[in-house]
């Protein structure tokens, strides 16, 4: 995990395109850097840290299905992140900003994404 994201922990995260957290997607992740590949969250992807400075980590990833992306993840607080992400998914470009909030620990029996 990038040093910039070290204060944040894995667990249950709510991710939304709205800063208010409206209509979030809930994900159980082993580490918050996994949220960098939100567009390909169900894909088999490999991640590489491109830059790790202050409260920002830039993460590049490529997926087995040919999709790829690059995200800048910013630590706002240990329980709050912003993710500016862009890349190619399903042969089409994407670019958007996400807001992630740690909602707690994962429920027993739920496998955290790695």
C-alpha atoms as a PDB file:
ATOM      1  CA  UNK A   1       0.000   0.000   0.000  1.00  0.00           C
ATOM      2  CA  UNK A   2       1.285   3.521  -0.755  1.00  0.00           C
ATOM      3  CA  UNK A   3       2.598   5.492   2.237  1.00  0.00           C
ATOM      4  CA  UNK A   4       0.110   8.292   1.462  1.00  0.00           C
ATOM      5  CA  UNK A   5      -2.774   5.911   2.218  1.00  0.00           C
ATOM      6  CA  UNK A   6      -1.202   4.214   5.272  1.00  0.00           C
ATOM      7  CA  UNK A   7      -3.482   6.034   7.787  1.00  0.00           C
ATOM      8  CA  UNK A   8      -6.534   4.481   6.061  1.00  0.00           C
ATOM      9  CA  UNK A   9      -7.511   0.862   6.664  1.00  0.00           C
ATOM     10  CA  UNK A  10      -9.228  -1.871   4.772  1.00  0.00           C
ATOM     11  CA  UNK A  11     -12.808  -2.674   5.647  1.00  0.00           C
ATOM     12  CA  UNK A  12     -16.245  -1.702   4.420  1.00  0.00           C
ATOM     13  CA  UNK A  13     -16.098   1.404   2.197  1.00  0.00           C
ATOM     14  CA  UNK A  14     -18.966   3.354   0.658  1.00  0.00           C
ATOM     15  CA  UNK A  15     -18.055   4.844  -2.726  1.00  0.00           C
ATOM     16  CA  UNK A  16     -20.159   7.488  -4.476  1.00  0.00           C
ATOM     17  CA  UNK A  17     -19.930   9.941  -7.358  1.00  0.00           C
ATOM     18  CA  UNK A  18     -21.512  12.501  -5.016  1.00  0.00           C
ATOM     19  CA  UNK A  19     -19.603  14.356  -2.299  1.00  0.00           C
ATOM     20  CA  UNK A  20     -22.716  13.945  -0.131  1.00  0.00           C
ATOM     21  CA  UNK A  21     -22.394  10.159  -0.358  1.00  0.00           C
ATOM     22  CA  UNK A  22     -25.746   9.756  -2.123  1.00  0.00           C
ATOM     23  CA  UNK A  23     -26.495   6.252  -3.452  1.00  0.00           C
ATOM     24  CA  UNK A  24     -23.119   4.655  -2.581  1.00  0.00           C
ATOM     25  CA  UNK A  25     -21.672   1.343  -3.701  1.00  0.00           C
ATOM     26  CA  UNK A  26     -20.514  -0.651  -0.690  1.00  0.00           C
ATOM     27  CA  UNK A  27     -17.277  -2.627  -1.006  1.00  0.00           C
ATOM     28  CA  UNK A  28     -15.354  -4.766   1.423  1.00  0.00           C
ATOM     29  CA  UNK A  29     -11.653  -4.330   0.606  1.00  0.00           C
ATOM     30  CA  UNK A  30      -8.472  -5.638   2.208  1.00  0.00           C
ATOM     31  CA  UNK A  31      -6.690  -2.335   1.536  1.00  0.00           C
ATOM     32  CA  UNK A  32      -8.000   1.095   0.449  1.00  0.00           C
ATOM     33  CA  UNK A  33      -5.622   1.274  -2.557  1.00  0.00           C
ATOM     34  CA  UNK A  34      -7.890  -1.320  -4.225  1.00  0.00           C
ATOM     35  CA  UNK A  35     -10.461   1.476  -4.621  1.00  0.00           C
ATOM     36  CA  UNK A  36      -8.154   2.985  -7.288  1.00  0.00           C
ATOM     37  CA  UNK A  37      -9.500   0.383  -9.725  1.00  0.00           C
ATOM     38  CA  UNK A  38     -13.166   1.082  -8.928  1.00  0.00           C
ATOM     39  CA  UNK A  39     -14.191   1.013 -12.596  1.00  0.00           C
ATOM     40  CA  UNK A  40     -12.749  -2.500 -12.835  1.00  0.00           C
ATOM     41  CA  UNK A  41     -13.614  -3.582  -9.292  1.00  0.00           C
ATOM     42  CA  UNK A  42     -14.714  -7.045 -10.421  1.00  0.00           C
ATOM     43  CA  UNK A  43     -11.771  -7.541 -12.772  1.00  0.00           C
ATOM     44  CA  UNK A  44      -8.497  -9.358 -12.363  1.00  0.00           C
ATOM     45  CA  UNK A  45      -6.102  -6.430 -12.378  1.00  0.00           C
ATOM     46  CA  UNK A  46      -2.557  -5.651 -11.329  1.00  0.00           C
ATOM     47  CA  UNK A  47      -1.756  -2.303  -9.718  1.00  0.00           C
ATOM     48  CA  UNK A  48       1.454  -0.265  -9.675  1.00  0.00           C
ATOM     49  CA  UNK A  49       2.133   2.823  -7.586  1.00  0.00           C
ATOM     50  CA  UNK A  50       3.376   5.563  -9.915  1.00  0.00           C
ATOM     51  CA  UNK A  51       3.699   8.350  -7.348  1.00  0.00           C
ATOM     52  CA  UNK A  52       3.387   8.376  -3.570  1.00  0.00           C
ATOM     53  CA  UNK A  53       3.764  11.841  -2.076  1.00  0.00           C
ATOM     54  CA  UNK A  54       2.150  13.572   0.897  1.00  0.00           C
ATOM     55  CA  UNK A  55      -1.532  12.630   0.964  1.00  0.00           C
ATOM     56  CA  UNK A  56      -1.674  11.632  -2.737  1.00  0.00           C
ATOM     57  CA  UNK A  57      -0.991   8.291  -4.385  1.00  0.00           C
ATOM     58  CA  UNK A  58      -1.133   7.827  -8.148  1.00  0.00           C
ATOM     59  CA  UNK A  59      -1.907   4.236  -9.068  1.00  0.00           C
ATOM     60  CA  UNK A  60      -1.880   2.685 -12.528  1.00  0.00           C
ATOM     61  CA  UNK A  61      -3.512  -0.665 -13.243  1.00  0.00           C
ATOM     62  CA  UNK A  62      -4.086  -3.104 -16.085  1.00  0.00           C
ATOM     63  CA  UNK A  63      -6.689  -5.841 -16.210  1.00  0.00           C
ATOM     64  CA  UNK A  64      -6.831  -9.269 -17.827  1.00  0.00           C
ATOM     65  CA  UNK A  65      -9.807  -8.201 -19.994  1.00  0.00           C
ATOM     66  CA  UNK A  66      -7.773  -5.418 -21.640  1.00  0.00           C
ATOM     67  CA  UNK A  67      -9.132  -2.589 -19.513  1.00  0.00           C
ATOM     68  CA  UNK A  68      -6.798  -0.230 -17.720  1.00  0.00           C
ATOM     69  CA  UNK A  69      -6.767   2.940 -15.703  1.00  0.00           C
ATOM     70  CA  UNK A  70      -4.875   5.479 -13.684  1.00  0.00           C
ATOM     71  CA  UNK A  71      -6.193   7.001 -10.477  1.00  0.00           C
ATOM     72  CA  UNK A  72      -5.049   9.681  -8.072  1.00  0.00           C
ATOM     73  CA  UNK A  73      -6.221   8.733  -4.598  1.00  0.00           C
ATOM     74  CA  UNK A  74      -6.145  11.530  -2.016  1.00  0.00           C
ATOM     75  CA  UNK A  75      -6.335  10.891   1.715  1.00  0.00           C
ATOM     76  CA  UNK A  76      -8.725  13.496   3.156  1.00  0.00           C
ATOM     77  CA  UNK A  77      -8.911  11.796   6.559  1.00  0.00           C
ATOM     78  CA  UNK A  78      -8.156   8.174   7.574  1.00  0.00           C
ATOM     79  CA  UNK A  79     -11.856   7.455   6.881  1.00  0.00           C
ATOM     80  CA  UNK A  80     -12.322   9.580   3.761  1.00  0.00           C
ATOM     81  CA  UNK A  81     -10.721   9.478   0.300  1.00  0.00           C
ATOM     82  CA  UNK A  82     -11.238  11.133  -3.069  1.00  0.00           C
ATOM     83  CA  UNK A  83     -10.415   9.212  -6.231  1.00  0.00           C
ATOM     84  CA  UNK A  84      -9.901  10.901  -9.586  1.00  0.00           C
ATOM     85  CA  UNK A  85      -9.880   8.043 -12.089  1.00  0.00           C
ATOM     86  CA  UNK A  86      -9.653   7.615 -15.838  1.00  0.00           C
ATOM     87  CA  UNK A  87      -8.901   4.898 -18.363  1.00  0.00           C
ATOM     88  CA  UNK A  88     -10.511   2.446 -20.769  1.00  0.00           C
ATOM     89  CA  UNK A  89     -13.342   0.078 -19.826  1.00  0.00           C
ATOM     90  CA  UNK A  90     -15.191  -2.110 -22.306  1.00  0.00           C
ATOM     91  CA  UNK A  91     -13.304  -0.406 -25.130  1.00  0.00           C
ATOM     92  CA  UNK A  92     -14.573   3.048 -24.099  1.00  0.00           C
ATOM     93  CA  UNK A  93     -12.893   5.867 -22.172  1.00  0.00           C
ATOM     94  CA  UNK A  94     -13.999   6.868 -18.684  1.00  0.00           C
ATOM     95  CA  UNK A  95     -13.063   9.751 -16.378  1.00  0.00           C
ATOM     96  CA  UNK A  96     -14.795  10.696 -13.139  1.00  0.00           C
ATOM     97  CA  UNK A  97     -14.268  11.614  -9.493  1.00  0.00           C
ATOM     98  CA  UNK A  98     -15.330   9.425  -6.582  1.00  0.00           C
ATOM     99  CA  UNK A  99     -15.784  10.029  -2.884  1.00  0.00           C
ATOM    100  CA  UNK A 100     -15.084   7.123  -0.537  1.00  0.00           C
ATOM    101  CA  UNK A 101     -15.952   6.850   3.140  1.00  0.00           C
ATOM    102  CA  UNK A 102     -14.983   4.005   5.467  1.00  0.00           C
ATOM    103  CA  UNK A 103     -18.206   2.709   6.984  1.00  0.00           C
ATOM    104  CA  UNK A 104     -16.706   0.121   9.341  1.00  0.00           C
ATOM    105  CA  UNK A 105     -15.335  -3.380   9.396  1.00  0.00           C
ATOM    106  CA  UNK A 106     -16.346  -6.070   6.944  1.00  0.00           C
ATOM    107  CA  UNK A 107     -18.987  -8.488   8.146  1.00  0.00           C
ATOM    108  CA  UNK A 108     -17.747 -11.972   9.103  1.00  0.00           C
ATOM    109  CA  UNK A 109     -17.918 -14.275   6.105  1.00  0.00           C
ATOM    110  CA  UNK A 110     -17.516 -11.488   3.525  1.00  0.00           C
ATOM    111  CA  UNK A 111     -14.335 -11.902   1.538  1.00  0.00           C
ATOM    112  CA  UNK A 112     -12.397  -8.679   1.204  1.00  0.00           C
ATOM    113  CA  UNK A 113     -11.265  -7.849  -2.334  1.00  0.00           C
ATOM    114  CA  UNK A 114      -7.513  -7.841  -2.817  1.00  0.00           C
END
